[in-house]
Amino acid sequence: MKKILFLVPLMMAACASVTPNQYTTQNGRMGYTLTCSEFNTTWEQCQSKAGASCSHGYEVDKHLSFTEHFPDSGDGIYRPANNHLAVICKNSG
């Protein structure tokens, strides 16, 4: 039990930040992918981070965005879903 209590703060610190990863779409536009765990990040916080990455706004890439659910393993440990958000930055003008 002590090991689990030790690992919880460590896991929370490791998951606390959302880092946008840049990619280029097939038509040459810049985009970002973000993975946001429901454990410590709301969907709104994930969208806010995407907005900060795209200075002129963004469109959600519905082909690359999804929610990853984890089945109950029956061991009493719950793993929250991960939201994978992919955005395409809008061009200025």
N, C-alpha and C. Protein backbone atom coordinates (compact mmCIF):
# COMPACT_ATOMS: atom_id res chain seq x y z
N MET A 1 0.82 -1.19 0.00
CA MET A 1 0.00 0.00 0.00
C MET A 1 0.87 1.26 0.00
N LYS A 2 1.98 1.22 0.73
CA LYS A 2 2.85 2.39 0.79
C LYS A 2 3.42 2.70 -0.59
N LYS A 3 3.69 1.67 -1.38
CA LYS A 3 4.24 1.88 -2.72
C LYS A 3 3.24 2.61 -3.60
N ILE A 4 1.97 2.25 -3.50
CA ILE A 4 0.94 2.91 -4.30
C ILE A 4 0.81 4.37 -3.90
N LEU A 5 0.81 4.66 -2.61
CA LEU A 5 0.71 6.04 -2.15
C LEU A 5 1.90 6.87 -2.59
N PHE A 6 3.06 6.26 -2.70
CA PHE A 6 4.25 6.95 -3.17
C PHE A 6 4.15 7.26 -4.66
N LEU A 7 3.57 6.35 -5.43
CA LEU A 7 3.51 6.51 -6.88
C LEU A 7 2.45 7.50 -7.34
N VAL A 8 1.39 7.69 -6.58
CA VAL A 8 0.31 8.59 -7.02
C VAL A 8 0.80 10.01 -7.27
N PRO A 9 1.51 10.66 -6.33
CA PRO A 9 2.00 12.02 -6.64
C PRO A 9 2.97 12.05 -7.81
N LEU A 10 3.76 11.00 -7.95
CA LEU A 10 4.70 10.92 -9.07
C LEU A 10 3.96 10.84 -10.39
N MET A 11 2.91 10.03 -10.45
CA MET A 11 2.11 9.90 -11.67
C MET A 11 1.40 11.21 -11.98
N MET A 12 0.90 11.89 -10.96
CA MET A 12 0.21 13.15 -11.18
C MET A 12 1.16 14.20 -11.74
N ALA A 13 2.36 14.25 -11.25
CA ALA A 13 3.35 15.22 -11.75
C ALA A 13 3.73 14.91 -13.18
N ALA A 14 3.84 13.64 -13.51
CA ALA A 14 4.24 13.25 -14.86
C ALA A 14 3.16 13.57 -15.88
N CYS A 15 1.90 13.54 -15.46
CA CYS A 15 0.78 13.75 -16.38
C CYS A 15 0.25 15.17 -16.36
N ALA A 16 0.81 16.03 -15.52
CA ALA A 16 0.21 17.33 -15.28
C ALA A 16 0.30 18.28 -16.48
N SER A 17 1.25 18.12 -17.33
CA SER A 17 1.38 19.07 -18.43
C SER A 17 0.91 18.44 -19.74
N VAL A 18 0.40 19.28 -20.59
CA VAL A 18 -0.03 18.87 -21.94
C VAL A 18 0.93 19.53 -22.91
N THR A 19 1.65 18.73 -23.67
CA THR A 19 2.62 19.27 -24.61
C THR A 19 2.09 19.08 -26.03
N PRO A 20 1.86 20.19 -26.75
CA PRO A 20 1.43 20.06 -28.14
C PRO A 20 2.59 19.56 -29.01
N ASN A 21 2.29 18.61 -29.86
CA ASN A 21 3.29 18.10 -30.81
C ASN A 21 2.91 18.57 -32.21
N GLN A 22 3.81 19.29 -32.84
CA GLN A 22 3.54 19.89 -34.15
C GLN A 22 3.59 18.85 -35.25
N TYR A 23 2.70 18.99 -36.24
CA TYR A 23 2.74 18.16 -37.44
C TYR A 23 2.30 19.00 -38.63
N THR A 24 2.55 18.52 -39.82
CA THR A 24 2.15 19.21 -41.05
C THR A 24 1.11 18.36 -41.76
N THR A 25 0.01 18.98 -42.14
CA THR A 25 -1.05 18.25 -42.84
C THR A 25 -0.63 17.94 -44.27
N GLN A 26 -1.43 17.13 -44.96
CA GLN A 26 -1.11 16.76 -46.34
C GLN A 26 -1.09 17.97 -47.27
N ASN A 27 -1.88 19.01 -46.93
CA ASN A 27 -1.88 20.20 -47.79
C ASN A 27 -0.93 21.29 -47.28
N GLY A 28 -0.01 20.92 -46.40
CA GLY A 28 1.05 21.83 -45.96
C GLY A 28 0.71 22.77 -44.82
N ARG A 29 -0.45 22.61 -44.22
CA ARG A 29 -0.81 23.47 -43.08
C ARG A 29 -0.23 22.90 -41.79
N MET A 30 0.03 23.80 -40.84
CA MET A 30 0.59 23.40 -39.56
C MET A 30 -0.53 22.98 -38.61
N GLY A 31 -0.28 21.93 -37.85
CA GLY A 31 -1.25 21.47 -36.86
C GLY A 31 -0.54 20.96 -35.62
N TYR A 32 -1.33 20.61 -34.63
CA TYR A 32 -0.80 20.09 -33.37
C TYR A 32 -1.65 18.93 -32.89
N THR A 33 -1.01 17.97 -32.25
CA THR A 33 -1.72 16.91 -31.55
C THR A 33 -1.44 17.07 -30.06
N LEU A 34 -2.47 16.84 -29.26
CA LEU A 34 -2.36 16.95 -27.81
C LEU A 34 -3.04 15.74 -27.19
N THR A 35 -2.45 15.19 -26.16
CA THR A 35 -3.07 14.11 -25.41
C THR A 35 -3.36 14.63 -24.01
N CYS A 36 -4.63 14.57 -23.64
CA CYS A 36 -5.07 15.12 -22.36
C CYS A 36 -5.77 14.02 -21.56
N SER A 37 -5.19 13.62 -20.46
CA SER A 37 -5.78 12.60 -19.61
C SER A 37 -6.91 13.22 -18.79
N GLU A 38 -8.05 12.54 -18.72
CA GLU A 38 -9.16 13.02 -17.90
C GLU A 38 -8.81 12.94 -16.42
N PHE A 39 -7.68 12.34 -16.10
CA PHE A 39 -7.22 12.24 -14.72
C PHE A 39 -6.94 13.62 -14.13
N ASN A 40 -6.35 14.49 -14.95
CA ASN A 40 -5.95 15.79 -14.41
C ASN A 40 -6.16 16.96 -15.38
N THR A 41 -6.78 16.72 -16.53
CA THR A 41 -6.95 17.78 -17.52
C THR A 41 -8.36 17.72 -18.09
N THR A 42 -9.07 18.83 -18.03
CA THR A 42 -10.40 18.86 -18.62
C THR A 42 -10.29 19.04 -20.13
N TRP A 43 -11.36 18.75 -20.83
CA TRP A 43 -11.40 18.93 -22.28
C TRP A 43 -11.19 20.42 -22.61
N GLU A 44 -11.74 21.29 -21.79
CA GLU A 44 -11.60 22.73 -22.01
C GLU A 44 -10.15 23.18 -21.86
N GLN A 45 -9.42 22.61 -20.90
CA GLN A 45 -8.00 22.94 -20.74
C GLN A 45 -7.19 22.47 -21.94
N CYS A 46 -7.56 21.33 -22.47
CA CYS A 46 -6.87 20.79 -23.65
C CYS A 46 -7.13 21.72 -24.85
N GLN A 47 -8.37 22.15 -25.03
CA GLN A 47 -8.70 23.06 -26.12
C GLN A 47 -8.02 24.42 -25.95
N SER A 48 -7.91 24.87 -24.72
CA SER A 48 -7.24 26.14 -24.44
C SER A 48 -5.76 26.07 -24.83
N LYS A 49 -5.12 24.95 -24.53
CA LYS A 49 -3.71 24.76 -24.89
C LYS A 49 -3.56 24.73 -26.41
N ALA A 50 -4.52 24.12 -27.11
CA ALA A 50 -4.49 24.11 -28.58
C ALA A 50 -4.64 25.53 -29.11
N GLY A 51 -5.54 26.31 -28.51
CA GLY A 51 -5.74 27.69 -28.93
C GLY A 51 -4.51 28.55 -28.72
N ALA A 52 -3.78 28.29 -27.65
CA ALA A 52 -2.55 29.04 -27.39
C ALA A 52 -1.46 28.68 -28.41
N SER A 53 -1.53 27.49 -28.98
CA SER A 53 -0.54 27.06 -29.96
C SER A 53 -0.80 27.63 -31.34
N CYS A 54 -2.06 27.94 -31.64
CA CYS A 54 -2.45 28.46 -32.96
C CYS A 54 -2.92 29.91 -32.78
N SER A 55 -2.09 30.85 -33.14
CA SER A 55 -2.37 32.27 -32.86
C SER A 55 -3.59 32.82 -33.60
N HIS A 56 -4.00 32.21 -34.71
CA HIS A 56 -5.15 32.70 -35.47
C HIS A 56 -6.35 31.76 -35.36
N GLY A 57 -6.34 30.90 -34.36
CA GLY A 57 -7.42 29.95 -34.17
C GLY A 57 -7.12 28.62 -34.83
N TYR A 58 -8.04 27.67 -34.69
CA TYR A 58 -7.81 26.34 -35.23
C TYR A 58 -9.12 25.66 -35.59
N GLU A 59 -8.98 24.62 -36.37
CA GLU A 59 -10.09 23.72 -36.69
C GLU A 59 -9.72 22.36 -36.13
N VAL A 60 -10.69 21.64 -35.56
CA VAL A 60 -10.42 20.30 -35.05
C VAL A 60 -10.31 19.33 -36.22
N ASP A 61 -9.26 18.55 -36.24
CA ASP A 61 -9.07 17.50 -37.25
C ASP A 61 -9.82 16.26 -36.75
N LYS A 62 -11.02 16.06 -37.26
CA LYS A 62 -11.88 14.98 -36.77
C LYS A 62 -11.36 13.60 -37.13
N HIS A 63 -10.48 13.52 -38.11
CA HIS A 63 -9.92 12.22 -38.50
C HIS A 63 -8.86 11.74 -37.50
N LEU A 64 -8.21 12.67 -36.81
CA LEU A 64 -7.13 12.30 -35.89
C LEU A 64 -7.51 12.47 -34.42
N SER A 65 -8.67 13.07 -34.13
CA SER A 65 -9.09 13.29 -32.75
C SER A 65 -9.97 12.13 -32.29
N PHE A 66 -9.71 11.66 -31.07
CA PHE A 66 -10.51 10.55 -30.53
C PHE A 66 -10.31 10.47 -29.02
N THR A 67 -11.19 9.72 -28.37
CA THR A 67 -11.07 9.44 -26.94
C THR A 67 -10.69 7.98 -26.77
N GLU A 68 -9.68 7.76 -25.97
CA GLU A 68 -9.17 6.41 -25.72
C GLU A 68 -9.67 5.96 -24.34
N HIS A 69 -10.54 4.96 -24.33
CA HIS A 69 -11.08 4.43 -23.08
C HIS A 69 -10.31 3.17 -22.70
N PHE A 70 -10.18 2.94 -21.40
CA PHE A 70 -9.48 1.78 -20.89
C PHE A 70 -10.46 0.89 -20.13
N PRO A 71 -10.49 -0.39 -20.44
CA PRO A 71 -11.43 -1.29 -19.77
C PRO A 71 -11.06 -1.47 -18.30
N ASP A 72 -12.07 -1.81 -17.51
CA ASP A 72 -11.85 -2.12 -16.10
C ASP A 72 -11.12 -3.45 -16.02
N SER A 73 -9.95 -3.43 -15.40
CA SER A 73 -9.14 -4.65 -15.33
C SER A 73 -9.56 -5.55 -14.17
N GLY A 74 -10.46 -5.07 -13.33
CA GLY A 74 -10.95 -5.88 -12.21
C GLY A 74 -10.03 -5.89 -11.01
N ASP A 75 -8.94 -5.13 -11.03
CA ASP A 75 -8.01 -5.12 -9.91
C ASP A 75 -8.22 -3.92 -8.97
N GLY A 76 -9.28 -3.15 -9.22
CA GLY A 76 -9.57 -2.00 -8.37
C GLY A 76 -8.85 -0.73 -8.76
N ILE A 77 -8.04 -0.79 -9.80
CA ILE A 77 -7.33 0.41 -10.26
C ILE A 77 -8.05 0.94 -11.49
N TYR A 78 -8.50 2.18 -11.39
CA TYR A 78 -9.23 2.83 -12.48
C TYR A 78 -8.27 3.71 -13.26
N ARG A 79 -8.32 3.60 -14.58
CA ARG A 79 -7.50 4.46 -15.43
C ARG A 79 -8.43 5.34 -16.25
N PRO A 80 -8.38 6.66 -16.04
CA PRO A 80 -9.24 7.58 -16.78
C PRO A 80 -8.91 7.58 -18.27
N ALA A 81 -9.88 7.99 -19.04
CA ALA A 81 -9.72 8.06 -20.50
C ALA A 81 -8.71 9.13 -20.88
N ASN A 82 -8.13 8.96 -22.06
CA ASN A 82 -7.26 9.98 -22.67
C ASN A 82 -8.00 10.59 -23.85
N ASN A 83 -8.02 11.90 -23.91
CA ASN A 83 -8.57 12.60 -25.06
C ASN A 83 -7.40 12.98 -25.96
N HIS A 84 -7.48 12.57 -27.21
CA HIS A 84 -6.46 12.91 -28.20
C HIS A 84 -7.07 13.96 -29.13
N LEU A 85 -6.55 15.16 -29.05
CA LEU A 85 -7.06 16.29 -29.83
C LEU A 85 -6.05 16.65 -30.89
N ALA A 86 -6.50 16.68 -32.13
CA ALA A 86 -5.65 17.12 -33.25
C ALA A 86 -6.30 18.37 -33.84
N VAL A 87 -5.51 19.41 -34.01
CA VAL A 87 -6.03 20.68 -34.53
C VAL A 87 -5.18 21.13 -35.71
N ILE A 88 -5.83 21.83 -36.63
CA ILE A 88 -5.15 22.43 -37.78
C ILE A 88 -5.25 23.94 -37.59
N CYS A 89 -4.12 24.59 -37.55
CA CYS A 89 -4.10 26.04 -37.33
C CYS A 89 -4.65 26.78 -38.56
N LYS A 90 -5.43 27.82 -38.27
CA LYS A 90 -5.94 28.67 -39.35
C LYS A 90 -4.85 29.64 -39.76
N ASN A 91 -4.81 29.96 -41.01
CA ASN A 91 -3.85 30.94 -41.53
C ASN A 91 -4.32 32.35 -41.21
N SER A 92 -3.40 33.26 -41.11
CA SER A 92 -3.79 34.67 -40.87
C SER A 92 -4.45 35.22 -42.12
N GLY A 93 -5.39 36.11 -41.89
CA GLY A 93 -6.01 36.77 -43.03
C GLY A 93 -7.34 36.36 -43.35
